[in-house]
Amino acid sequence: MTADKTPAGNSTCKKLAVLWFNESLCFVSSFVVANSLALRNRQLLVAAKRYVQGLGGH
C-alpha cells in the first residue's frame, strides 16, 4: 500500500509576504500623506506650537 504524498506548497509564506507588503504600503502611504499635510499646513503647525508653549510645554 503506497500513498502518493506531495509536499505542501509555500502558500502560508506567500500569504504572509503579501500581508507584510500590504501593511508596509499602507504605512508608507499614510506617512507620506501625514507629511504632505504637515508641510501644506505650515501655519497650523506654527499655531499648534504656540498653543503647546502657552500650556507650559517645551
N, C-alpha and C. Protein backbone atom coordinates (compact mmCIF):
# COMPACT_ATOMS: atom_id res chain seq x y z
N MET A 1 0.85 -1.16 0.00
CA MET A 1 0.00 0.00 0.00
C MET A 1 0.90 1.24 0.00
N THR A 2 0.90 1.96 -1.06
CA THR A 2 1.70 3.16 -1.18
C THR A 2 0.78 4.35 -1.36
N ALA A 3 1.12 5.41 -0.70
CA ALA A 3 0.33 6.64 -0.82
C ALA A 3 1.21 7.69 -1.48
N ASP A 4 0.68 8.33 -2.47
CA ASP A 4 1.42 9.41 -3.13
C ASP A 4 1.26 10.68 -2.30
N LYS A 5 2.36 11.08 -1.72
CA LYS A 5 2.33 12.30 -0.90
C LYS A 5 3.10 13.38 -1.64
N THR A 6 2.44 14.48 -1.85
CA THR A 6 3.11 15.62 -2.47
C THR A 6 3.36 16.65 -1.39
N PRO A 7 4.51 17.26 -1.42
CA PRO A 7 4.79 18.27 -0.38
C PRO A 7 3.86 19.47 -0.52
N ALA A 8 3.53 20.03 0.60
CA ALA A 8 2.66 21.20 0.61
C ALA A 8 3.40 22.39 0.01
N GLY A 9 2.68 23.22 -0.67
CA GLY A 9 3.27 24.43 -1.23
C GLY A 9 3.57 25.45 -0.14
N ASN A 10 4.24 26.47 -0.50
CA ASN A 10 4.57 27.52 0.46
C ASN A 10 3.49 28.60 0.47
N SER A 11 2.25 28.18 0.48
CA SER A 11 1.16 29.15 0.42
C SER A 11 1.14 30.05 1.66
N THR A 12 1.50 29.50 2.81
CA THR A 12 1.50 30.31 4.02
C THR A 12 2.55 31.40 3.93
N CYS A 13 3.71 31.05 3.45
CA CYS A 13 4.78 32.05 3.31
C CYS A 13 4.39 33.13 2.31
N LYS A 14 3.76 32.71 1.23
CA LYS A 14 3.34 33.69 0.22
C LYS A 14 2.28 34.62 0.80
N LYS A 15 1.35 34.06 1.56
CA LYS A 15 0.30 34.89 2.15
C LYS A 15 0.90 35.88 3.14
N LEU A 16 1.86 35.42 3.94
CA LEU A 16 2.50 36.32 4.89
C LEU A 16 3.30 37.41 4.18
N ALA A 17 3.94 37.05 3.08
CA ALA A 17 4.70 38.04 2.33
C ALA A 17 3.78 39.10 1.75
N VAL A 18 2.65 38.67 1.22
CA VAL A 18 1.69 39.63 0.65
C VAL A 18 1.10 40.49 1.75
N LEU A 19 0.80 39.88 2.88
CA LEU A 19 0.25 40.65 4.01
C LEU A 19 1.25 41.68 4.49
N TRP A 20 2.51 41.29 4.63
CA TRP A 20 3.55 42.22 5.06
C TRP A 20 3.72 43.35 4.05
N PHE A 21 3.69 43.00 2.78
CA PHE A 21 3.84 44.01 1.73
C PHE A 21 2.70 45.02 1.78
N ASN A 22 1.48 44.53 1.94
CA ASN A 22 0.32 45.42 2.03
C ASN A 22 0.41 46.33 3.25
N GLU A 23 0.82 45.76 4.38
CA GLU A 23 0.97 46.56 5.60
C GLU A 23 2.02 47.65 5.42
N SER A 24 3.13 47.29 4.79
CA SER A 24 4.18 48.29 4.61
C SER A 24 3.74 49.39 3.65
N LEU A 25 2.99 49.03 2.62
CA LEU A 25 2.48 50.04 1.69
C LEU A 25 1.51 50.98 2.40
N CYS A 26 0.66 50.44 3.25
CA CYS A 26 -0.29 51.28 3.99
C CYS A 26 0.45 52.23 4.92
N PHE A 27 1.48 51.72 5.59
CA PHE A 27 2.25 52.56 6.50
C PHE A 27 2.95 53.68 5.74
N VAL A 28 3.59 53.34 4.63
CA VAL A 28 4.32 54.34 3.85
C VAL A 28 3.37 55.38 3.29
N SER A 29 2.23 54.94 2.77
CA SER A 29 1.29 55.89 2.19
C SER A 29 0.71 56.82 3.25
N SER A 30 0.41 56.29 4.44
CA SER A 30 -0.13 57.16 5.49
C SER A 30 0.95 58.12 5.99
N PHE A 31 2.19 57.68 6.02
CA PHE A 31 3.30 58.55 6.43
C PHE A 31 3.47 59.69 5.43
N VAL A 32 3.38 59.38 4.14
CA VAL A 32 3.53 60.40 3.11
C VAL A 32 2.39 61.40 3.17
N VAL A 33 1.18 60.91 3.37
CA VAL A 33 0.02 61.80 3.48
C VAL A 33 0.16 62.71 4.70
N ALA A 34 0.58 62.15 5.82
CA ALA A 34 0.74 62.96 7.03
C ALA A 34 1.82 64.03 6.82
N ASN A 35 2.92 63.66 6.19
CA ASN A 35 3.98 64.64 5.95
C ASN A 35 3.53 65.72 4.98
N SER A 36 2.79 65.35 3.95
CA SER A 36 2.35 66.36 2.99
C SER A 36 1.35 67.31 3.63
N LEU A 37 0.50 66.79 4.52
CA LEU A 37 -0.44 67.67 5.21
C LEU A 37 0.28 68.61 6.15
N ALA A 38 1.31 68.11 6.82
CA ALA A 38 2.06 68.97 7.73
C ALA A 38 2.80 70.05 6.95
N LEU A 39 3.32 69.72 5.80
CA LEU A 39 4.02 70.72 5.01
C LEU A 39 3.07 71.75 4.42
N ARG A 40 1.89 71.30 4.02
CA ARG A 40 0.92 72.24 3.45
C ARG A 40 0.34 73.16 4.51
N ASN A 41 0.17 72.64 5.69
CA ASN A 41 -0.45 73.42 6.75
C ASN A 41 0.60 73.95 7.71
N ARG A 42 1.57 74.62 7.16
CA ARG A 42 2.68 75.15 7.97
C ARG A 42 2.17 76.14 9.01
N GLN A 43 1.20 76.96 8.63
CA GLN A 43 0.67 77.94 9.57
C GLN A 43 -0.02 77.26 10.74
N LEU A 44 -0.72 76.17 10.47
CA LEU A 44 -1.36 75.43 11.55
C LEU A 44 -0.33 74.80 12.47
N LEU A 45 0.77 74.36 11.91
CA LEU A 45 1.83 73.78 12.71
C LEU A 45 2.43 74.83 13.65
N VAL A 46 2.64 76.03 13.14
CA VAL A 46 3.17 77.12 13.97
C VAL A 46 2.17 77.46 15.06
N ALA A 47 0.90 77.50 14.72
CA ALA A 47 -0.13 77.81 15.71
C ALA A 47 -0.19 76.72 16.78
N ALA A 48 -0.02 75.49 16.39
CA ALA A 48 -0.04 74.39 17.36
C ALA A 48 1.14 74.49 18.31
N LYS A 49 2.29 74.89 17.79
CA LYS A 49 3.47 75.06 18.65
C LYS A 49 3.22 76.19 19.66
N ARG A 50 2.59 77.27 19.21
CA ARG A 50 2.29 78.37 20.13
C ARG A 50 1.33 77.91 21.21
N TYR A 51 0.37 77.09 20.83
CA TYR A 51 -0.61 76.59 21.79
C TYR A 51 0.08 75.73 22.85
N VAL A 52 0.97 74.86 22.41
CA VAL A 52 1.69 73.99 23.36
C VAL A 52 2.58 74.83 24.27
N GLN A 53 3.21 75.85 23.73
CA GLN A 53 4.04 76.71 24.56
C GLN A 53 3.19 77.46 25.58
N GLY A 54 1.97 77.84 25.19
CA GLY A 54 1.08 78.53 26.10
C GLY A 54 0.63 77.63 27.26
N LEU A 55 0.60 76.32 27.02
CA LEU A 55 0.23 75.39 28.06
C LEU A 55 1.39 75.05 29.00
N GLY A 56 2.56 75.55 28.68
CA GLY A 56 3.73 75.28 29.52
C GLY A 56 4.57 74.14 29.00
N GLY A 57 4.30 73.68 27.76
CA GLY A 57 5.11 72.61 27.17
C GLY A 57 6.39 73.14 26.61
N HIS A 58 7.21 72.25 26.10
CA HIS A 58 8.51 72.67 25.55
C HIS A 58 8.37 73.03 24.11
